[in-house]
């Protein structure tokens, strides 16, 4: 009896436990609980989205940095690029130098390659010419310029220049400057007639015909004859081997040379000396003094000035 009561009690207790567990599993979710669950879900999604938004700029920045690193050349590429640029600059510089050397090599116009193997001799002749200028020619042209007015000296200079027309005309023809030769011919006709025997220059002042300053030394340079050694001639002054030959050619073409042949050498020398003194009085002497007086080495200064002047004339 007692045993039956215990079994019945245990059976009822088991049924109560089973019923309680079943009711707990089947309890319905209230509306407030449902809304709270939805809000929790939404908040979780928003938090995830915010985290994604916060990470996106970092991701973009990392991608940009990676792209920049990939686009930047490496150290080896930079070295190679710099080397290529230097090679390009060197090639351009060498091409420029080659062009300049090609332009002037035929006439040896580069001042840095002046050949002066007989400089000791040249310096002695320069010293002689310098003393001759200061002790003989300068007193002569200084006194002459005080006696003869400048306008008269200009007319005398123009007269001698007009007589020397064949030198310029022939050398224009030899250099293929036919327009220049025609200009010289017209100048001679106009100045000899309208200019009263060449004492005036209406060809320039009225007709704008410029004198063509050509000589045989320039003609030799035109035909690629090298200038040769630099040389100082007594009383003549600075020259080169090429210009010395050119000077001889100009003397042969100079009508004043005929005076020495048909009248006499003394008369020819006097005429040439008078022409030189007259030209010196018009500023040639001041040019010489301005070159040599302030120079550390007057010999080199005169040499450089002479070569530069010849370069200018040849290029023109």
C-alpha atoms as a PDB file:
ATOM      1  CA  UNK A   1       0.000   0.000   0.000  1.00  0.00           C
ATOM      2  CA  UNK A   2       2.773   2.324   0.962  1.00  0.00           C
ATOM      3  CA  UNK A   3       4.704   1.277  -2.105  1.00  0.00           C
ATOM      4  CA  UNK A   4       1.755   2.006  -4.386  1.00  0.00           C
ATOM      5  CA  UNK A   5       1.393   5.496  -2.930  1.00  0.00           C
ATOM      6  CA  UNK A   6       5.092   6.257  -3.584  1.00  0.00           C
ATOM      7  CA  UNK A   7       4.858   5.068  -7.197  1.00  0.00           C
ATOM      8  CA  UNK A   8       1.731   7.158  -7.774  1.00  0.00           C
ATOM      9  CA  UNK A   9       3.489  10.222  -6.358  1.00  0.00           C
ATOM     10  CA  UNK A  10       6.522   9.716  -8.637  1.00  0.00           C
ATOM     11  CA  UNK A  11       4.268   9.230 -11.652  1.00  0.00           C
ATOM     12  CA  UNK A  12       2.435  12.518 -10.974  1.00  0.00           C
ATOM     13  CA  UNK A  13       5.717  14.353 -10.388  1.00  0.00           C
ATOM     14  CA  UNK A  14       7.047  13.134 -13.741  1.00  0.00           C
ATOM     15  CA  UNK A  15       3.876  14.271 -15.493  1.00  0.00           C
ATOM     16  CA  UNK A  16       4.205  17.743 -13.918  1.00  0.00           C
ATOM     17  CA  UNK A  17       7.827  18.058 -15.042  1.00  0.00           C
ATOM     18  CA  UNK A  18       6.946  17.056 -18.599  1.00  0.00           C
ATOM     19  CA  UNK A  19       4.046  19.533 -18.726  1.00  0.00           C
ATOM     20  CA  UNK A  20       6.226  22.385 -17.426  1.00  0.00           C
ATOM     21  CA  UNK A  21       8.943  21.798 -19.971  1.00  0.00           C
ATOM     22  CA  UNK A  22       6.449  21.605 -22.833  1.00  0.00           C
ATOM     23  CA  UNK A  23       4.813  24.860 -21.805  1.00  0.00           C
ATOM     24  CA  UNK A  24       8.170  26.629 -21.666  1.00  0.00           C
ATOM     25  CA  UNK A  25       9.083  25.526 -25.206  1.00  0.00           C
ATOM     26  CA  UNK A  26       5.752  26.635 -26.649  1.00  0.00           C
ATOM     27  CA  UNK A  27       5.526  30.040 -24.909  1.00  0.00           C
ATOM     28  CA  UNK A  28       4.608  32.607 -27.652  1.00  0.00           C
ATOM     29  CA  UNK A  29       6.793  35.733 -28.139  1.00  0.00           C
ATOM     30  CA  UNK A  30       5.030  38.906 -27.229  1.00  0.00           C
ATOM     31  CA  UNK A  31       4.824  41.930 -29.632  1.00  0.00           C
ATOM     32  CA  UNK A  32       7.183  44.007 -27.516  1.00  0.00           C
ATOM     33  CA  UNK A  33       9.679  41.195 -27.416  1.00  0.00           C
ATOM     34  CA  UNK A  34       9.381  40.837 -31.205  1.00  0.00           C
ATOM     35  CA  UNK A  35      10.044  44.580 -31.746  1.00  0.00           C
ATOM     36  CA  UNK A  36      13.022  44.430 -29.438  1.00  0.00           C
ATOM     37  CA  UNK A  37      14.451  41.521 -31.390  1.00  0.00           C
ATOM     38  CA  UNK A  38      13.971  43.387 -34.684  1.00  0.00           C
ATOM     39  CA  UNK A  39      15.689  46.482 -33.242  1.00  0.00           C
ATOM     40  CA  UNK A  40      18.579  44.349 -32.052  1.00  0.00           C
ATOM     41  CA  UNK A  41      18.900  42.853 -35.515  1.00  0.00           C
ATOM     42  CA  UNK A  42      18.779  46.277 -37.170  1.00  0.00           C
ATOM     43  CA  UNK A  43      21.301  47.711 -34.725  1.00  0.00           C
ATOM     44  CA  UNK A  44      23.602  44.818 -35.425  1.00  0.00           C
ATOM     45  CA  UNK A  45      23.271  45.454 -39.184  1.00  0.00           C
ATOM     46  CA  UNK A  46      23.876  49.197 -38.739  1.00  0.00           C
ATOM     47  CA  UNK A  47      26.941  48.533 -36.624  1.00  0.00           C
ATOM     48  CA  UNK A  48      28.261  46.204 -39.287  1.00  0.00           C
ATOM     49  CA  UNK A  49      27.566  48.791 -42.021  1.00  0.00           C
ATOM     50  CA  UNK A  50      29.243  51.538 -39.992  1.00  0.00           C
ATOM     51  CA  UNK A  51      32.272  49.362 -39.467  1.00  0.00           C
ATOM     52  CA  UNK A  52      32.363  48.669 -43.195  1.00  0.00           C
ATOM     53  CA  UNK A  53      32.098  52.422 -43.948  1.00  0.00           C
ATOM     54  CA  UNK A  54      34.906  53.157 -41.533  1.00  0.00           C
ATOM     55  CA  UNK A  55      37.103  50.531 -43.133  1.00  0.00           C
ATOM     56  CA  UNK A  56      36.360  51.623 -46.718  1.00  0.00           C
ATOM     57  CA  UNK A  57      38.536  54.864 -46.699  1.00  0.00           C
ATOM     58  CA  UNK A  58      41.377  52.895 -45.147  1.00  0.00           C
ATOM     59  CA  UNK A  59      41.023  50.291 -47.877  1.00  0.00           C
ATOM     60  CA  UNK A  60      40.946  52.975 -50.599  1.00  0.00           C
ATOM     61  CA  UNK A  61      44.012  54.700 -49.127  1.00  0.00           C
ATOM     62  CA  UNK A  62      45.886  51.418 -48.976  1.00  0.00           C
ATOM     63  CA  UNK A  63      44.953  50.662 -52.588  1.00  0.00           C
ATOM     64  CA  UNK A  64      46.122  54.158 -53.688  1.00  0.00           C
ATOM     65  CA  UNK A  65      49.397  53.782 -51.816  1.00  0.00           C
ATOM     66  CA  UNK A  66      49.918  50.418 -53.435  1.00  0.00           C
ATOM     67  CA  UNK A  67      49.210  51.885 -56.887  1.00  0.00           C
ATOM     68  CA  UNK A  68      51.656  54.765 -56.269  1.00  0.00           C
ATOM     69  CA  UNK A  69      54.317  52.372 -55.142  1.00  0.00           C
ATOM     70  CA  UNK A  70      53.767  50.278 -58.242  1.00  0.00           C
ATOM     71  CA  UNK A  71      53.868  53.367 -60.519  1.00  0.00           C
ATOM     72  CA  UNK A  72      57.084  54.799 -58.999  1.00  0.00           C
ATOM     73  CA  UNK A  73      60.242  53.610 -60.726  1.00  0.00           C
ATOM     74  CA  UNK A  74      62.670  51.572 -58.786  1.00  0.00           C
ATOM     75  CA  UNK A  75      66.137  52.816 -57.878  1.00  0.00           C
ATOM     76  CA  UNK A  76      67.593  50.888 -60.782  1.00  0.00           C
ATOM     77  CA  UNK A  77      65.077  52.434 -63.183  1.00  0.00           C
ATOM     78  CA  UNK A  78      65.878  55.935 -61.871  1.00  0.00           C
ATOM     79  CA  UNK A  79      69.605  55.344 -62.323  1.00  0.00           C
ATOM     80  CA  UNK A  80      69.023  54.069 -65.838  1.00  0.00           C
ATOM     81  CA  UNK A  81      66.812  57.080 -66.695  1.00  0.00           C
ATOM     82  CA  UNK A  82      69.411  59.553 -65.377  1.00  0.00           C
ATOM     83  CA  UNK A  83      72.125  57.761 -67.330  1.00  0.00           C
ATOM     84  CA  UNK A  84      70.031  57.915 -70.513  1.00  0.00           C
ATOM     85  CA  UNK A  85      69.407  61.658 -69.986  1.00  0.00           C
ATOM     86  CA  UNK A  86      73.121  62.324 -69.471  1.00  0.00           C
ATOM     87  CA  UNK A  87      73.945  60.341 -72.603  1.00  0.00           C
ATOM     88  CA  UNK A  88      71.355  62.352 -74.530  1.00  0.00           C
ATOM     89  CA  UNK A  89      72.799  65.651 -73.264  1.00  0.00           C
ATOM     90  CA  UNK A  90      76.320  64.514 -74.104  1.00  0.00           C
ATOM     91  CA  UNK A  91      75.229  63.517 -77.599  1.00  0.00           C
ATOM     92  CA  UNK A  92      73.568  66.908 -78.113  1.00  0.00           C
ATOM     93  CA  UNK A  93      76.665  68.738 -76.836  1.00  0.00           C
ATOM     94  CA  UNK A  94      78.967  66.650 -79.025  1.00  0.00           C
ATOM     95  CA  UNK A  95      76.753  67.270 -82.058  1.00  0.00           C
ATOM     96  CA  UNK A  96      76.883  71.015 -81.385  1.00  0.00           C
ATOM     97  CA  UNK A  97      80.664  70.943 -81.034  1.00  0.00           C
ATOM     98  CA  UNK A  98      80.983  68.906 -84.220  1.00  0.00           C
ATOM     99  CA  UNK A  99      78.786  71.384 -86.092  1.00  0.00           C
ATOM    100  CA  UNK A 100      80.876  74.313 -84.876  1.00  0.00           C
ATOM    101  CA  UNK A 101      84.123  72.519 -85.721  1.00  0.00           C
ATOM    102  CA  UNK A 102      82.770  71.668 -89.164  1.00  0.00           C
ATOM    103  CA  UNK A 103      81.739  75.273 -89.721  1.00  0.00           C
ATOM    104  CA  UNK A 104      85.125  76.753 -88.889  1.00  0.00           C
ATOM    105  CA  UNK A 105      87.621  73.950 -89.447  1.00  0.00           C
ATOM    106  CA  UNK A 106      88.095  74.791 -93.112  1.00  0.00           C
ATOM    107  CA  UNK A 107      89.357  78.290 -92.366  1.00  0.00           C
ATOM    108  CA  UNK A 108      90.861  77.627 -88.895  1.00  0.00           C
ATOM    109  CA  UNK A 109      88.856  80.432 -87.332  1.00  0.00           C
ATOM    110  CA  UNK A 110      89.095  79.053 -83.820  1.00  0.00           C
ATOM    111  CA  UNK A 111      91.124  81.560 -81.805  1.00  0.00           C
ATOM    112  CA  UNK A 112      92.280  78.845 -79.391  1.00  0.00           C
ATOM    113  CA  UNK A 113      94.282  77.134 -82.172  1.00  0.00           C
ATOM    114  CA  UNK A 114      96.319  80.166 -83.301  1.00  0.00           C
ATOM    115  CA  UNK A 115      99.682  78.829 -84.379  1.00  0.00           C
ATOM    116  CA  UNK A 116     102.536  81.006 -83.159  1.00  0.00           C
ATOM    117  CA  UNK A 117     105.717  78.874 -83.291  1.00  0.00           C
ATOM    118  CA  UNK A 118     107.953  81.883 -83.966  1.00  0.00           C
ATOM    119  CA  UNK A 119     106.663  83.921 -81.039  1.00  0.00           C
ATOM    120  CA  UNK A 120     110.144  85.033 -79.845  1.00  0.00           C
ATOM    121  CA  UNK A 121     110.781  86.570 -83.280  1.00  0.00           C
ATOM    122  CA  UNK A 122     107.264  88.023 -83.419  1.00  0.00           C
ATOM    123  CA  UNK A 123     107.658  89.670 -80.020  1.00  0.00           C
ATOM    124  CA  UNK A 124     110.856  91.393 -81.125  1.00  0.00           C
ATOM    125  CA  UNK A 125     109.178  92.692 -84.284  1.00  0.00           C
ATOM    126  CA  UNK A 126     106.188  93.805 -82.221  1.00  0.00           C
ATOM    127  CA  UNK A 127     108.482  95.733 -79.872  1.00  0.00           C
ATOM    128  CA  UNK A 128     110.118  97.397 -82.888  1.00  0.00           C
ATOM    129  CA  UNK A 129     106.758  98.309 -84.437  1.00  0.00           C
ATOM    130  CA  UNK A 130     105.487  99.624 -81.113  1.00  0.00           C
ATOM    131  CA  UNK A 131     108.459 101.964 -80.742  1.00  0.00           C
ATOM    132  CA  UNK A 132     108.144 103.025 -84.392  1.00  0.00           C
ATOM    133  CA  UNK A 133     104.509 103.921 -83.767  1.00  0.00           C
ATOM    134  CA  UNK A 134     105.104 105.992 -80.638  1.00  0.00           C
ATOM    135  CA  UNK A 135     108.330 107.689 -81.758  1.00  0.00           C
ATOM    136  CA  UNK A 136     107.687 108.138 -85.495  1.00  0.00           C
ATOM    137  CA  UNK A 137     104.150 107.570 -86.725  1.00  0.00           C
ATOM    138  CA  UNK A 138     102.207 108.993 -83.788  1.00  0.00           C
ATOM    139  CA  UNK A 139     104.057 112.341 -83.853  1.00  0.00           C
ATOM    140  CA  UNK A 140     103.550 112.421 -87.624  1.00  0.00           C
ATOM    141  CA  UNK A 141      99.783 111.819 -87.616  1.00  0.00           C
ATOM    142  CA  UNK A 142      99.292 114.003 -84.525  1.00  0.00           C
ATOM    143  CA  UNK A 143     100.971 116.971 -86.193  1.00  0.00           C
ATOM    144  CA  UNK A 144      99.269 116.171 -89.494  1.00  0.00           C
ATOM    145  CA  UNK A 145      95.800 116.115 -87.879  1.00  0.00           C
ATOM    146  CA  UNK A 146      96.472 119.549 -86.351  1.00  0.00           C
ATOM    147  CA  UNK A 147      97.355 121.025 -89.733  1.00  0.00           C
ATOM    148  CA  UNK A 148      94.791 119.305 -91.967  1.00  0.00           C
ATOM    149  CA  UNK A 149      91.078 119.576 -90.996  1.00  0.00           C
ATOM    150  CA  UNK A 150      89.170 116.372 -90.418  1.00  0.00           C
ATOM    151  CA  UNK A 151      86.827 116.917 -93.389  1.00  0.00           C
ATOM    152  CA  UNK A 152      89.809 117.257 -95.692  1.00  0.00           C
ATOM    153  CA  UNK A 153      91.370 114.096 -94.262  1.00  0.00           C
ATOM    154  CA  UNK A 154      88.100 112.221 -94.776  1.00  0.00           C
ATOM    155  CA  UNK A 155      87.997 113.322 -98.419  1.00  0.00           C
ATOM    156  CA  UNK A 156      91.616 112.214 -98.924  1.00  0.00           C
ATOM    157  CA  UNK A 157      90.808 108.839 -97.357  1.00  0.00           C
ATOM    158  CA  UNK A 158      87.784 108.502 -99.641  1.00  0.00           C
ATOM    159  CA  UNK A 159      89.964 109.378-102.646  1.00  0.00           C
ATOM    160  CA  UNK A 160      92.405 106.535-101.899  1.00  0.00           C
ATOM    161  CA  UNK A 161      89.566 104.101-101.192  1.00  0.00           C
ATOM    162  CA  UNK A 162      87.999 104.937-104.543  1.00  0.00           C
ATOM    163  CA  UNK A 163      91.294 104.298-106.344  1.00  0.00           C
ATOM    164  CA  UNK A 164      91.595 100.874-104.639  1.00  0.00           C
ATOM    165  CA  UNK A 165      88.252  99.751-106.083  1.00  0.00           C
ATOM    166  CA  UNK A 166      89.839  96.983-108.274  1.00  0.00           C
ATOM    167  CA  UNK A 167      90.946  95.121-105.122  1.00  0.00           C
ATOM    168  CA  UNK A 168      87.386  94.874-103.835  1.00  0.00           C
ATOM    169  CA  UNK A 169      85.819  94.265-107.245  1.00  0.00           C
ATOM    170  CA  UNK A 170      88.131  91.388-108.224  1.00  0.00           C
ATOM    171  CA  UNK A 171      87.866  89.688-104.836  1.00  0.00           C
ATOM    172  CA  UNK A 172      84.065  89.928-104.929  1.00  0.00           C
ATOM    173  CA  UNK A 173      84.157  88.123-108.270  1.00  0.00           C
ATOM    174  CA  UNK A 174      86.597  85.488-106.989  1.00  0.00           C
ATOM    175  CA  UNK A 175      84.319  84.815-104.010  1.00  0.00           C
ATOM    176  CA  UNK A 176      81.221  84.565-106.188  1.00  0.00           C
ATOM    177  CA  UNK A 177      79.701  87.724-104.731  1.00  0.00           C
ATOM    178  CA  UNK A 178      78.500  89.092-108.049  1.00  0.00           C
ATOM    179  CA  UNK A 179      76.028  91.495-106.479  1.00  0.00           C
ATOM    180  CA  UNK A 180      78.858  92.952-104.417  1.00  0.00           C
ATOM    181  CA  UNK A 181      81.000  93.282-107.539  1.00  0.00           C
ATOM    182  CA  UNK A 182      78.190  95.162-109.270  1.00  0.00           C
ATOM    183  CA  UNK A 183      77.837  97.423-106.244  1.00  0.00           C
ATOM    184  CA  UNK A 184      81.565  98.251-106.353  1.00  0.00           C
ATOM    185  CA  UNK A 185      81.386  99.045-110.068  1.00  0.00           C
ATOM    186  CA  UNK A 186      78.424 101.394-109.558  1.00  0.00           C
ATOM    187  CA  UNK A 187      80.091 103.030-106.562  1.00  0.00           C
ATOM    188  CA  UNK A 188      83.225 103.739-108.584  1.00  0.00           C
ATOM    189  CA  UNK A 189      81.290 105.338-111.435  1.00  0.00           C
ATOM    190  CA  UNK A 190      79.125 107.482-109.135  1.00  0.00           C
ATOM    191  CA  UNK A 191      81.931 108.595-106.810  1.00  0.00           C
ATOM    192  CA  UNK A 192      84.363 109.301-109.638  1.00  0.00           C
ATOM    193  CA  UNK A 193      81.847 111.511-111.438  1.00  0.00           C
ATOM    194  CA  UNK A 194      79.374 112.946-108.940  1.00  0.00           C
ATOM    195  CA  UNK A 195      81.870 112.595-106.077  1.00  0.00           C
ATOM    196  CA  UNK A 196      84.519 114.688-107.900  1.00  0.00           C
ATOM    197  CA  UNK A 197      87.189 112.075-108.478  1.00  0.00           C
ATOM    198  CA  UNK A 198      86.274 110.090-105.372  1.00  0.00           C
ATOM    199  CA  UNK A 199      86.718 112.896-102.854  1.00  0.00           C
ATOM    200  CA  UNK A 200      83.133 112.356-101.694  1.00  0.00           C
ATOM    201  CA  UNK A 201      80.886 109.314-101.311  1.00  0.00           C
ATOM    202  CA  UNK A 202      77.472 110.125-102.832  1.00  0.00           C
ATOM    203  CA  UNK A 203      77.094 106.444-103.704  1.00  0.00           C
ATOM    204  CA  UNK A 204      76.569 105.789 -99.993  1.00  0.00           C
ATOM    205  CA  UNK A 205      74.910 109.009 -98.865  1.00  0.00           C
ATOM    206  CA  UNK A 206      72.516 109.353-101.831  1.00  0.00           C
ATOM    207  CA  UNK A 207      72.160 105.853-103.298  1.00  0.00           C
ATOM    208  CA  UNK A 208      72.822 103.739-100.172  1.00  0.00           C
ATOM    209  CA  UNK A 209      75.485 101.627-101.869  1.00  0.00           C
ATOM    210  CA  UNK A 210      77.832 100.294 -99.184  1.00  0.00           C
ATOM    211  CA  UNK A 211      81.504  99.620 -99.833  1.00  0.00           C
ATOM    212  CA  UNK A 212      82.320  95.897-100.088  1.00  0.00           C
ATOM    213  CA  UNK A 213      85.270  95.347 -97.754  1.00  0.00           C
ATOM    214  CA  UNK A 214      86.806  92.326 -99.500  1.00  0.00           C
ATOM    215  CA  UNK A 215      90.470  91.405 -99.891  1.00  0.00           C
ATOM    216  CA  UNK A 216      92.526  88.513-101.221  1.00  0.00           C
ATOM    217  CA  UNK A 217      93.097  87.073 -97.746  1.00  0.00           C
ATOM    218  CA  UNK A 218      89.338  86.623 -97.368  1.00  0.00           C
ATOM    219  CA  UNK A 219      89.216  85.055-100.820  1.00  0.00           C
ATOM    220  CA  UNK A 220      91.809  82.460 -99.791  1.00  0.00           C
ATOM    221  CA  UNK A 221      89.750  81.700 -96.678  1.00  0.00           C
ATOM    222  CA  UNK A 222      86.695  81.285 -98.913  1.00  0.00           C
ATOM    223  CA  UNK A 223      88.549  78.499-100.719  1.00  0.00           C
ATOM    224  CA  UNK A 224      89.392  76.800 -97.412  1.00  0.00           C
ATOM    225  CA  UNK A 225      93.024  77.871 -97.261  1.00  0.00           C
ATOM    226  CA  UNK A 226      94.215  77.667 -93.648  1.00  0.00           C
ATOM    227  CA  UNK A 227      95.480  80.803 -91.957  1.00  0.00           C
ATOM    228  CA  UNK A 228      98.831  79.240 -91.070  1.00  0.00           C
ATOM    229  CA  UNK A 229     101.275  80.795 -88.629  1.00  0.00           C
ATOM    230  CA  UNK A 230     100.723  84.128 -86.963  1.00  0.00           C
ATOM    231  CA  UNK A 231     103.456  86.574 -87.923  1.00  0.00           C
ATOM    232  CA  UNK A 232     104.461  90.170 -87.211  1.00  0.00           C
ATOM    233  CA  UNK A 233     105.918  92.102 -90.136  1.00  0.00           C
ATOM    234  CA  UNK A 234     108.152  95.170 -89.643  1.00  0.00           C
ATOM    235  CA  UNK A 235     106.138  98.390 -90.124  1.00  0.00           C
ATOM    236  CA  UNK A 236     103.189  96.388 -91.523  1.00  0.00           C
ATOM    237  CA  UNK A 237     102.085  94.812 -88.273  1.00  0.00           C
ATOM    238  CA  UNK A 238     100.173  91.612 -87.414  1.00  0.00           C
ATOM    239  CA  UNK A 239      99.318  89.093 -90.096  1.00  0.00           C
ATOM    240  CA  UNK A 240      99.210  85.376 -90.877  1.00  0.00           C
ATOM    241  CA  UNK A 241     100.779  83.327 -93.651  1.00  0.00           C
ATOM    242  CA  UNK A 242      97.472  83.352 -95.533  1.00  0.00           C
ATOM    243  CA  UNK A 243      96.957  87.090 -95.073  1.00  0.00           C
ATOM    244  CA  UNK A 244     100.565  87.740 -96.107  1.00  0.00           C
ATOM    245  CA  UNK A 245      99.918  86.013 -99.426  1.00  0.00           C
ATOM    246  CA  UNK A 246      96.636  87.910 -99.634  1.00  0.00           C
ATOM    247  CA  UNK A 247      98.417  91.184 -98.956  1.00  0.00           C
ATOM    248  CA  UNK A 248     100.771  90.502-101.865  1.00  0.00           C
ATOM    249  CA  UNK A 249      97.760  89.857-104.096  1.00  0.00           C
ATOM    250  CA  UNK A 250      96.121  93.096-103.009  1.00  0.00           C
ATOM    251  CA  UNK A 251      99.322  95.036-103.694  1.00  0.00           C
ATOM    252  CA  UNK A 252      99.346  93.620-107.212  1.00  0.00           C
ATOM    253  CA  UNK A 253      95.743  94.762-107.746  1.00  0.00           C
ATOM    254  CA  UNK A 254      96.307  98.189-106.174  1.00  0.00           C
ATOM    255  CA  UNK A 255      96.553 100.947-108.826  1.00  0.00           C
ATOM    256  CA  UNK A 256      98.883 102.859-106.482  1.00  0.00           C
ATOM    257  CA  UNK A 257     101.463 100.132-107.109  1.00  0.00           C
ATOM    258  CA  UNK A 258     101.723 101.403-110.685  1.00  0.00           C
ATOM    259  CA  UNK A 259     103.343 104.554-109.304  1.00  0.00           C
ATOM    260  CA  UNK A 260     106.340 102.500-108.173  1.00  0.00           C
ATOM    261  CA  UNK A 261     106.669 100.891-111.614  1.00  0.00           C
ATOM    262  CA  UNK A 262     106.097 103.876-113.859  1.00  0.00           C
ATOM    263  CA  UNK A 263     107.203 106.816-111.701  1.00  0.00           C
ATOM    264  CA  UNK A 264     109.610 105.345-109.158  1.00  0.00           C
ATOM    265  CA  UNK A 265     109.825 103.297-105.958  1.00  0.00           C
ATOM    266  CA  UNK A 266     110.461 106.326-103.776  1.00  0.00           C
ATOM    267  CA  UNK A 267     107.334 108.062-105.053  1.00  0.00           C
ATOM    268  CA  UNK A 268     105.373 104.872-104.509  1.00  0.00           C
ATOM    269  CA  UNK A 269     106.691 104.530-100.941  1.00  0.00           C
ATOM    270  CA  UNK A 270     105.886 108.157-100.143  1.00  0.00           C
ATOM    271  CA  UNK A 271     102.354 107.770-101.516  1.00  0.00           C
ATOM    272  CA  UNK A 272     101.770 104.593 -99.482  1.00  0.00           C
ATOM    273  CA  UNK A 273     103.175 106.225 -96.325  1.00  0.00           C
ATOM    274  CA  UNK A 274     100.985 109.296 -96.768  1.00  0.00           C
ATOM    275  CA  UNK A 275      97.912 107.090 -97.142  1.00  0.00           C
ATOM    276  CA  UNK A 276      98.815 105.209 -93.942  1.00  0.00           C
ATOM    277  CA  UNK A 277      99.449 108.393 -91.947  1.00  0.00           C
ATOM    278  CA  UNK A 278      96.150 109.868 -93.112  1.00  0.00           C
ATOM    279  CA  UNK A 279      94.240 106.713 -92.110  1.00  0.00           C
ATOM    280  CA  UNK A 280      95.978 106.588 -88.727  1.00  0.00           C
ATOM    281  CA  UNK A 281      94.996 110.192 -88.038  1.00  0.00           C
ATOM    282  CA  UNK A 282      91.323 109.248 -88.474  1.00  0.00           C
ATOM    283  CA  UNK A 283      91.276 106.919 -85.481  1.00  0.00           C
ATOM    284  CA  UNK A 284      93.350 103.914 -86.449  1.00  0.00           C
ATOM    285  CA  UNK A 285      96.047 104.980 -83.981  1.00  0.00           C
ATOM    286  CA  UNK A 286      93.549 105.309 -81.125  1.00  0.00           C
ATOM    287  CA  UNK A 287      92.323 101.798 -81.824  1.00  0.00           C
ATOM    288  CA  UNK A 288      95.863 100.434 -81.533  1.00  0.00           C
ATOM    289  CA  UNK A 289      96.472 102.293 -78.285  1.00  0.00           C
ATOM    290  CA  UNK A 290      93.162 101.183 -76.747  1.00  0.00           C
ATOM    291  CA  UNK A 291      94.072  97.551 -77.461  1.00  0.00           C
ATOM    292  CA  UNK A 292      97.630  97.580 -76.151  1.00  0.00           C
ATOM    293  CA  UNK A 293      97.805 100.250 -73.428  1.00  0.00           C
ATOM    294  CA  UNK A 294      95.646  98.558 -70.767  1.00  0.00           C
ATOM    295  CA  UNK A 295      96.554  94.972 -71.668  1.00  0.00           C
ATOM    296  CA  UNK A 296      98.583  92.774 -69.334  1.00  0.00           C
ATOM    297  CA  UNK A 297     100.326  91.316 -72.389  1.00  0.00           C
ATOM    298  CA  UNK A 298     100.029  93.821 -75.291  1.00  0.00           C
ATOM    299  CA  UNK A 299     101.441  91.312 -77.774  1.00  0.00           C
ATOM    300  CA  UNK A 300      98.707  88.748 -77.035  1.00  0.00           C
ATOM    301  CA  UNK A 301      96.039  91.463 -76.927  1.00  0.00           C
ATOM    302  CA  UNK A 302      96.991  92.726 -80.387  1.00  0.00           C
ATOM    303  CA  UNK A 303      97.172  89.181 -81.727  1.00  0.00           C
ATOM    304  CA  UNK A 304      93.705  88.353 -80.424  1.00  0.00           C
ATOM    305  CA  UNK A 305      92.212  91.612 -81.728  1.00  0.00           C
ATOM    306  CA  UNK A 306      93.683  91.022 -85.179  1.00  0.00           C
ATOM    307  CA  UNK A 307      92.432  87.427 -85.414  1.00  0.00           C
ATOM    308  CA  UNK A 308      88.965  88.381 -84.165  1.00  0.00           C
ATOM    309  CA  UNK A 309      88.732  91.160 -86.741  1.00  0.00           C
ATOM    310  CA  UNK A 310      89.727  88.775 -89.528  1.00  0.00           C
ATOM    311  CA  UNK A 311      87.181  86.225 -88.353  1.00  0.00           C
ATOM    312  CA  UNK A 312      84.455  88.862 -88.497  1.00  0.00           C
ATOM    313  CA  UNK A 313      85.384  89.946 -92.013  1.00  0.00           C
ATOM    314  CA  UNK A 314      85.613  86.388 -93.321  1.00  0.00           C
ATOM    315  CA  UNK A 315      82.217  85.468 -91.844  1.00  0.00           C
ATOM    316  CA  UNK A 316      80.641  88.546 -93.419  1.00  0.00           C
END
